[in-house]
Amino acid sequence: MLRRKILIVPAALAVAAALYGAAWLYAAQRLEAGIAAWAEARRAEGWRIEYASLAVEGFPLRLRARIAQPAATAPRPSEPRWSAPVLLADLVPWRPDRILLHAPQPSTVEWAGPAAGRAELGRARARARLARNGHVERAELAIDDVALATPPDGPPAIVNRIAATVGRERPAEDAGTPAHRRVAFTVKGEMLGLTLPEGVEPALGRTVGRIALDAQMLGETAPGRPAVALAAWRDSGGTVEVRQFALGWGPLIADGDGTLALDAALQPEGALTARIAGFDATVETLVAAGIVKARHGVLIGYALNALAKRPEGGGPPVIEAPITLQGGRLFIGPVALLPLPRIDWR
């Protein structure tokens, strides 16, 4: 009897291993077929999806699709195209709705048109959660060492790291919320170590330490061409709630919040409130660069310090300033600071 029990254990393990192996092979076939079906669905939407080969590996603990020479071109007038030597897609058999994408070698994004450009991306990683229909419900993206040039042969801007999270999940309280106040998706992004192209010499220096954004797009969105979809979103009362934006550039440190929308020409408009620190050193920098005359710099410094408040928890003085986007211009208070580039949503 004991001998029989001893023999049962390895036999059971062998059966379990065989079943798991069969399940893994089935999942691998499903993954390969799923990627092919996804590519065909995107092609039906006008995308150009290409790859040289597709193989599934990673037995026994994971499924890894190795896609050689992938490329994707969006159905837009500028034809933005991403390509890479290889793309790895990892998932575990028991969580098929979670997928990790990894481009271990440099990849490229190119686009045509009047603002043609090229971006060289270092290592890129993305984590996605899929809905039952195969659409991305939430995605996290991290890219290191980005070189962006417009035009493509011009001097590039360099970014040390870009990180972003985009999610479509909606809070539970949306059930009783008006359509134009429902969250379509959320965006969180951060750019670290931006170095502007050679030949661009702003007064605050060529290196921007940090740019960050945390925002929600409110209102019903629909598929279709961007200009048509955004016009419908605008007409239904859609807005973007900027929960926080942040900028660290030389001595200037700013953050704030506000609301944005689209005007009749589908250009951004809205009102934000900025909290600015480091203004004394910023004014000194502008004076040293000859942008502000020395006597004006003294008066500006006095005025800013008179308006500034010290945070209750300590720290440098901070001033609050209203920022307005209207009529294609950016205003700080009543002063038109600079024109905004026009966005073509075609």
Protein backbone atom coordinates (compact mmCIF):
# COMPACT_ATOMS: atom_id res chain seq x y z
CA MET A 1 0.00 0.00 0.00
CA LEU A 2 2.80 2.42 0.96
CA ARG A 3 4.65 1.57 -2.22
CA ARG A 4 1.54 2.33 -4.26
CA LYS A 5 1.13 5.72 -2.56
CA ILE A 6 4.77 6.54 -3.23
CA LEU A 7 4.27 5.79 -6.92
CA ILE A 8 1.09 7.89 -7.06
CA VAL A 9 2.90 11.11 -6.09
CA PRO A 10 5.32 11.28 -9.07
CA ALA A 11 2.57 10.08 -11.38
CA ALA A 12 0.30 12.89 -10.20
CA LEU A 13 3.12 15.40 -10.61
CA ALA A 14 3.79 14.12 -14.12
CA VAL A 15 0.12 14.45 -15.03
CA ALA A 16 -0.02 17.96 -13.56
CA ALA A 17 3.12 18.96 -15.46
CA ALA A 18 1.68 17.56 -18.69
CA LEU A 19 -1.57 19.42 -18.16
CA TYR A 20 0.27 22.66 -17.38
CA GLY A 21 2.46 22.21 -20.45
CA ALA A 22 -0.61 21.68 -22.61
CA ALA A 23 -2.27 24.73 -21.07
CA TRP A 24 0.87 26.81 -21.69
CA LEU A 25 1.00 25.71 -25.33
CA TYR A 26 -2.69 26.56 -25.71
CA ALA A 27 -2.12 29.98 -24.12
CA ALA A 28 0.90 30.56 -26.39
CA GLN A 29 -1.21 29.79 -29.45
CA ARG A 30 -3.96 32.09 -28.18
CA LEU A 31 -1.42 34.87 -27.60
CA GLU A 32 0.02 34.54 -31.09
CA ALA A 33 -3.46 34.45 -32.63
CA GLY A 34 -4.55 37.37 -30.45
CA ILE A 35 -1.67 39.56 -31.61
CA ALA A 36 -2.41 38.72 -35.24
CA ALA A 37 -6.11 39.49 -34.73
CA TRP A 38 -5.28 42.78 -32.99
CA ALA A 39 -3.05 43.77 -35.92
CA GLU A 40 -5.82 42.96 -38.41
CA ALA A 41 -8.35 44.99 -36.40
CA ARG A 42 -6.03 48.01 -36.39
CA ARG A 43 -5.45 47.64 -40.14
CA ALA A 44 -9.21 47.74 -40.61
CA GLU A 45 -9.17 51.10 -38.79
CA GLY A 46 -6.60 52.47 -41.24
CA TRP A 47 -3.39 51.71 -39.35
CA ARG A 48 -0.40 50.14 -41.08
CA ILE A 49 0.85 47.38 -38.78
CA GLU A 50 3.94 45.46 -39.85
CA TYR A 51 6.34 42.92 -38.38
CA ALA A 52 8.83 40.44 -39.83
CA SER A 53 8.14 37.52 -37.49
CA LEU A 54 6.35 36.56 -34.28
CA ALA A 55 7.40 33.82 -31.86
CA VAL A 56 6.18 32.92 -28.36
CA GLU A 57 8.69 31.78 -25.72
CA GLY A 58 9.17 31.84 -21.93
CA PHE A 59 7.98 28.39 -20.78
CA PRO A 60 7.14 27.60 -18.00
CA LEU A 61 6.50 30.73 -15.91
CA ARG A 62 5.54 33.31 -18.51
CA LEU A 63 4.50 33.93 -22.07
CA ARG A 64 6.77 36.18 -24.11
CA ALA A 65 5.95 37.21 -27.65
CA ARG A 66 9.09 38.25 -29.52
CA ILE A 67 8.09 40.49 -32.42
CA ALA A 68 10.87 41.22 -34.90
CA GLN A 69 11.04 44.55 -36.76
CA PRO A 70 7.64 45.88 -35.65
CA ALA A 71 6.28 49.11 -37.12
CA ALA A 72 3.01 51.00 -36.71
CA THR A 73 1.82 53.97 -38.80
CA ALA A 74 -1.21 55.94 -37.59
CA PRO A 75 -3.99 57.01 -40.03
CA ARG A 76 -3.20 60.71 -39.76
CA PRO A 77 -2.14 63.27 -42.40
CA SER A 78 1.31 63.50 -40.80
CA GLU A 79 1.59 59.66 -40.86
CA PRO A 80 3.39 59.26 -37.52
CA ARG A 81 5.32 55.98 -37.63
CA TRP A 82 6.94 54.03 -34.78
CA SER A 83 9.46 51.28 -35.49
CA ALA A 84 11.96 49.19 -33.54
CA PRO A 85 14.35 46.26 -34.10
CA VAL A 86 12.39 44.09 -31.66
CA LEU A 87 9.41 44.34 -29.30
CA LEU A 88 8.85 41.95 -26.38
CA ALA A 89 5.35 41.37 -24.99
CA ASP A 90 5.23 39.52 -21.65
CA LEU A 91 2.27 38.15 -19.73
CA VAL A 92 1.63 35.41 -17.20
CA PRO A 93 -0.90 32.70 -18.12
CA TRP A 94 -3.15 33.38 -15.14
CA ARG A 95 -3.48 37.14 -15.86
CA PRO A 96 -4.10 37.47 -19.61
CA ASP A 97 -5.51 40.99 -19.14
CA ARG A 98 -2.10 42.30 -18.02
CA ILE A 99 0.66 42.77 -20.57
CA LEU A 100 4.16 44.23 -20.34
CA LEU A 101 5.74 45.66 -23.49
CA HIS A 102 9.48 46.25 -23.70
CA ALA A 103 11.58 47.68 -26.53
CA PRO A 104 15.11 46.88 -25.26
CA GLN A 105 16.84 48.50 -28.23
CA PRO A 106 16.44 52.09 -29.49
CA SER A 107 13.25 52.76 -31.43
CA THR A 108 12.17 55.61 -33.69
CA VAL A 109 9.11 57.81 -34.18
CA GLU A 110 8.88 59.84 -37.40
CA TRP A 111 6.16 62.12 -38.77
CA ALA A 112 5.71 64.22 -41.91
CA GLY A 113 4.03 67.51 -42.72
CA PRO A 114 4.90 71.17 -42.03
CA ALA A 115 6.12 70.27 -38.53
CA ALA A 116 7.95 67.11 -39.63
CA GLY A 117 10.21 65.59 -37.04
CA ARG A 118 11.97 62.54 -35.70
CA ALA A 119 12.37 61.15 -32.19
CA GLU A 120 14.97 58.59 -31.21
CA LEU A 121 13.85 56.68 -28.11
CA GLY A 122 16.16 54.78 -25.79
CA ARG A 123 14.85 51.91 -23.73
CA ALA A 124 11.03 51.99 -23.64
CA ARG A 125 8.69 50.03 -21.37
CA ALA A 126 4.90 49.97 -21.16
CA ARG A 127 2.49 48.13 -18.88
CA ALA A 128 -1.11 47.78 -20.03
CA ARG A 129 -4.36 46.49 -18.60
CA LEU A 130 -6.78 45.29 -21.25
CA ALA A 131 -10.56 45.38 -21.29
CA ARG A 132 -12.59 42.40 -22.49
CA ASN A 133 -12.86 43.91 -25.98
CA GLY A 134 -9.06 44.07 -26.24
CA HIS A 135 -8.84 47.86 -25.90
CA VAL A 136 -6.35 49.34 -23.46
CA GLU A 137 -8.03 50.31 -20.19
CA ARG A 138 -4.93 51.62 -18.45
CA ALA A 139 -1.35 52.09 -19.64
CA GLU A 140 1.91 53.09 -17.97
CA LEU A 141 4.80 54.22 -20.15
CA ALA A 142 8.45 54.95 -19.35
CA ILE A 143 11.03 56.04 -21.93
CA ASP A 144 14.69 56.86 -21.28
CA ASP A 145 17.06 58.99 -23.35
CA VAL A 146 14.84 60.69 -25.93
CA ALA A 147 16.28 62.83 -28.75
CA LEU A 148 13.63 64.93 -30.53
CA ALA A 149 14.41 66.94 -33.67
CA THR A 150 12.16 69.20 -35.76
CA PRO A 151 12.99 69.24 -38.63
CA PRO A 152 14.33 65.67 -38.65
CA ASP A 153 17.87 66.76 -39.52
CA GLY A 154 17.89 69.68 -37.06
CA PRO A 155 19.65 69.83 -33.69
CA PRO A 156 17.75 67.66 -31.20
CA ALA A 157 16.25 68.39 -27.82
CA ILE A 158 17.29 65.74 -25.29
CA VAL A 159 15.08 64.34 -22.52
CA ASN A 160 16.51 62.07 -19.84
CA ARG A 161 13.23 60.39 -18.97
CA ILE A 162 9.53 60.54 -19.84
CA ALA A 163 6.93 58.73 -17.72
CA ALA A 164 3.18 58.75 -18.26
CA THR A 165 0.05 56.95 -17.09
CA VAL A 166 -3.24 57.03 -19.00
CA GLY A 167 -6.36 55.37 -17.61
CA ARG A 168 -9.95 55.01 -18.77
CA GLU A 169 -11.40 53.64 -15.55
CA ARG A 170 -14.22 55.71 -14.08
CA PRO A 171 -14.97 56.39 -10.43
CA ALA A 172 -18.02 54.61 -8.99
CA GLU A 173 -19.83 57.89 -8.32
CA ASP A 174 -20.04 58.55 -12.08
CA ALA A 175 -23.41 56.76 -12.17
CA GLY A 176 -25.23 59.89 -10.99
CA THR A 177 -22.91 62.45 -12.57
CA PRO A 178 -23.96 64.51 -15.64
CA ALA A 179 -22.36 63.28 -18.86
CA HIS A 180 -20.19 66.36 -19.31
CA ARG A 181 -18.72 65.87 -15.81
CA ARG A 182 -17.87 62.20 -16.16
CA VAL A 183 -14.21 61.23 -16.37
CA ALA A 184 -13.34 60.00 -19.87
CA PHE A 185 -9.74 59.29 -18.89
CA THR A 186 -6.96 60.51 -16.65
CA VAL A 187 -3.42 61.48 -17.61
CA LYS A 188 -0.36 61.75 -15.40
CA GLY A 189 2.96 62.61 -16.98
CA GLU A 190 6.43 63.74 -16.03
CA MET A 191 9.42 64.86 -18.09
CA LEU A 192 12.81 65.00 -16.40
CA GLY A 193 15.99 66.64 -17.65
CA LEU A 194 14.91 68.42 -20.85
CA THR A 195 17.85 70.03 -22.67
CA LEU A 196 16.78 72.40 -25.44
CA PRO A 197 18.48 72.21 -28.88
CA GLU A 198 21.78 73.91 -29.57
CA GLY A 199 21.22 77.45 -30.74
CA VAL A 200 18.29 77.94 -28.37
CA GLU A 201 19.55 80.02 -25.45
CA PRO A 202 16.68 81.10 -23.17
CA ALA A 203 17.47 83.32 -20.21
CA LEU A 204 16.70 80.56 -17.69
CA GLY A 205 19.10 78.16 -19.40
CA ARG A 206 18.81 75.33 -21.89
CA THR A 207 17.98 72.73 -19.23
CA VAL A 208 14.47 72.39 -17.82
CA GLY A 209 14.68 70.19 -14.75
CA ARG A 210 11.09 68.96 -14.55
CA ILE A 211 7.71 69.31 -16.24
CA ALA A 212 4.74 67.42 -14.77
CA LEU A 213 0.99 67.18 -15.38
CA ASP A 214 -1.92 65.48 -13.61
CA ALA A 215 -5.22 65.98 -15.45
CA GLN A 216 -8.66 64.51 -16.13
CA MET A 217 -10.59 64.75 -19.38
CA LEU A 218 -14.28 65.20 -18.53
CA GLY A 219 -17.14 64.55 -20.94
CA GLU A 220 -18.25 61.90 -23.38
CA THR A 221 -15.76 61.03 -26.12
CA ALA A 222 -16.46 59.21 -29.37
CA PRO A 223 -14.27 57.53 -31.98
CA GLY A 224 -13.55 59.25 -35.27
CA ARG A 225 -11.22 61.82 -36.76
CA PRO A 226 -9.69 63.99 -34.00
CA ALA A 227 -11.18 67.26 -35.29
CA VAL A 228 -14.71 65.82 -35.47
CA ALA A 229 -14.48 63.93 -32.17
CA LEU A 230 -13.03 66.92 -30.30
CA ALA A 231 -15.65 69.29 -31.72
CA ALA A 232 -18.41 66.98 -30.47
CA TRP A 233 -16.69 66.69 -27.08
CA ARG A 234 -16.40 70.49 -26.84
CA ASP A 235 -20.02 71.06 -27.89
CA SER A 236 -21.23 68.64 -25.21
CA GLY A 237 -19.46 70.68 -22.50
CA GLY A 238 -16.25 68.67 -22.25
CA THR A 239 -13.34 70.15 -20.28
CA VAL A 240 -9.91 69.19 -18.99
CA GLU A 241 -9.45 69.53 -15.24
CA VAL A 242 -5.78 70.19 -14.54
CA ARG A 243 -5.35 68.90 -11.01
CA GLN A 244 -1.68 69.85 -10.98
CA PHE A 245 0.98 71.13 -13.31
CA ALA A 246 4.57 71.71 -12.24
CA LEU A 247 7.65 73.33 -13.74
CA GLY A 248 11.21 73.49 -12.49
CA TRP A 249 13.42 75.60 -14.76
CA GLY A 250 16.61 77.09 -13.40
CA PRO A 251 15.70 79.14 -10.32
CA LEU A 252 11.98 79.14 -11.23
CA ILE A 253 9.71 76.67 -9.43
CA ALA A 254 6.01 76.74 -10.29
CA ASP A 255 2.94 74.59 -9.83
CA GLY A 256 -0.77 75.14 -10.12
CA ASP A 257 -4.18 73.91 -11.26
CA GLY A 258 -7.17 75.01 -13.32
CA THR A 259 -9.55 74.17 -16.16
CA LEU A 260 -9.02 74.03 -19.92
CA ALA A 261 -11.40 73.67 -22.86
CA LEU A 262 -11.43 74.20 -26.63
CA ASP A 263 -12.62 77.38 -28.34
CA ALA A 264 -14.58 77.64 -31.60
CA ALA A 265 -11.37 77.00 -33.57
CA LEU A 266 -10.51 73.93 -31.45
CA GLN A 267 -7.64 75.78 -29.79
CA PRO A 268 -6.97 75.58 -26.03
CA GLU A 269 -8.52 78.17 -23.76
CA GLY A 270 -8.99 78.30 -20.02
CA ALA A 271 -7.89 79.65 -16.67
CA LEU A 272 -5.20 78.37 -14.33
CA THR A 273 -3.74 79.53 -11.05
CA ALA A 274 0.04 79.29 -10.69
CA ARG A 275 2.06 79.33 -7.48
CA ILE A 276 5.56 80.58 -8.17
CA ALA A 277 8.69 80.42 -6.03
CA GLY A 278 12.25 81.47 -6.82
CA PHE A 279 11.08 84.70 -8.42
CA ASP A 280 13.90 86.84 -6.94
CA ALA A 281 16.58 84.70 -8.58
CA THR A 282 14.50 84.50 -11.76
CA VAL A 283 14.30 88.30 -12.03
CA GLU A 284 18.06 88.53 -11.43
CA THR A 285 18.62 86.03 -14.23
CA LEU A 286 16.41 88.04 -16.60
CA VAL A 287 18.31 91.22 -15.72
CA ALA A 288 21.66 89.51 -16.30
CA ALA A 289 20.43 88.31 -19.71
CA GLY A 290 19.41 91.85 -20.67
CA ILE A 291 15.75 90.94 -21.01
CA VAL A 292 14.77 93.18 -18.09
CA LYS A 293 16.53 96.48 -17.39
CA ALA A 294 18.28 96.67 -14.02
CA ARG A 295 16.11 99.48 -12.64
CA HIS A 296 12.97 97.66 -13.74
CA GLY A 297 14.27 94.48 -12.13
CA VAL A 298 14.52 96.23 -8.77
CA LEU A 299 10.95 97.51 -9.02
CA ILE A 300 9.66 94.11 -10.14
CA GLY A 301 11.46 92.47 -7.23
CA TYR A 302 9.87 94.86 -4.72
CA ALA A 303 6.43 94.33 -6.24
CA LEU A 304 6.70 90.54 -6.26
CA ASN A 305 7.93 90.38 -2.67
CA ALA A 306 5.04 92.61 -1.61
CA LEU A 307 2.62 90.13 -3.17
CA ALA A 308 4.40 87.02 -1.91
CA LYS A 309 3.36 84.87 1.03
CA ARG A 310 5.42 82.44 3.05
CA PRO A 311 3.99 78.91 3.31
CA GLU A 312 2.75 77.96 6.77
CA GLY A 313 5.11 75.01 6.87
CA GLY A 314 8.10 77.16 5.97
CA GLY A 315 10.02 77.50 2.73
CA PRO A 316 10.67 80.29 0.24
CA PRO A 317 8.01 82.96 -0.40
CA VAL A 318 5.38 82.14 -3.01
CA ILE A 319 3.22 84.32 -5.20
CA GLU A 320 -0.06 83.31 -6.84
CA ALA A 321 -0.70 84.45 -10.39
CA PRO A 322 -3.68 83.88 -12.71
CA ILE A 323 -2.77 82.34 -16.07
CA THR A 324 -5.20 82.59 -18.98
CA LEU A 325 -5.17 80.93 -22.40
CA GLN A 326 -7.37 82.93 -24.75
CA GLY A 327 -7.37 83.95 -28.39
CA GLY A 328 -4.18 82.03 -29.12
CA ARG A 329 -2.18 83.86 -26.45
CA LEU A 330 -0.91 83.10 -22.96
CA PHE A 331 -1.60 85.76 -20.33
CA ILE A 332 -0.18 86.12 -16.84
CA GLY A 333 -2.58 88.49 -15.15
CA PRO A 334 -3.44 91.18 -17.73
CA VAL A 335 -0.11 90.83 -19.56
CA ALA A 336 0.05 88.86 -22.83
CA LEU A 337 3.23 86.84 -22.34
CA LEU A 338 3.55 84.91 -25.61
CA PRO A 339 1.59 83.53 -28.58
CA LEU A 340 0.55 79.88 -28.46
CA PRO A 341 1.36 77.54 -31.36
CA ARG A 342 -1.72 76.61 -33.34
CA ILE A 343 -2.75 72.94 -33.08
CA ASP A 344 -3.89 71.19 -36.26
CA TRP A 345 -6.22 68.34 -35.18
CA ARG A 346 -6.74 66.85 -38.65
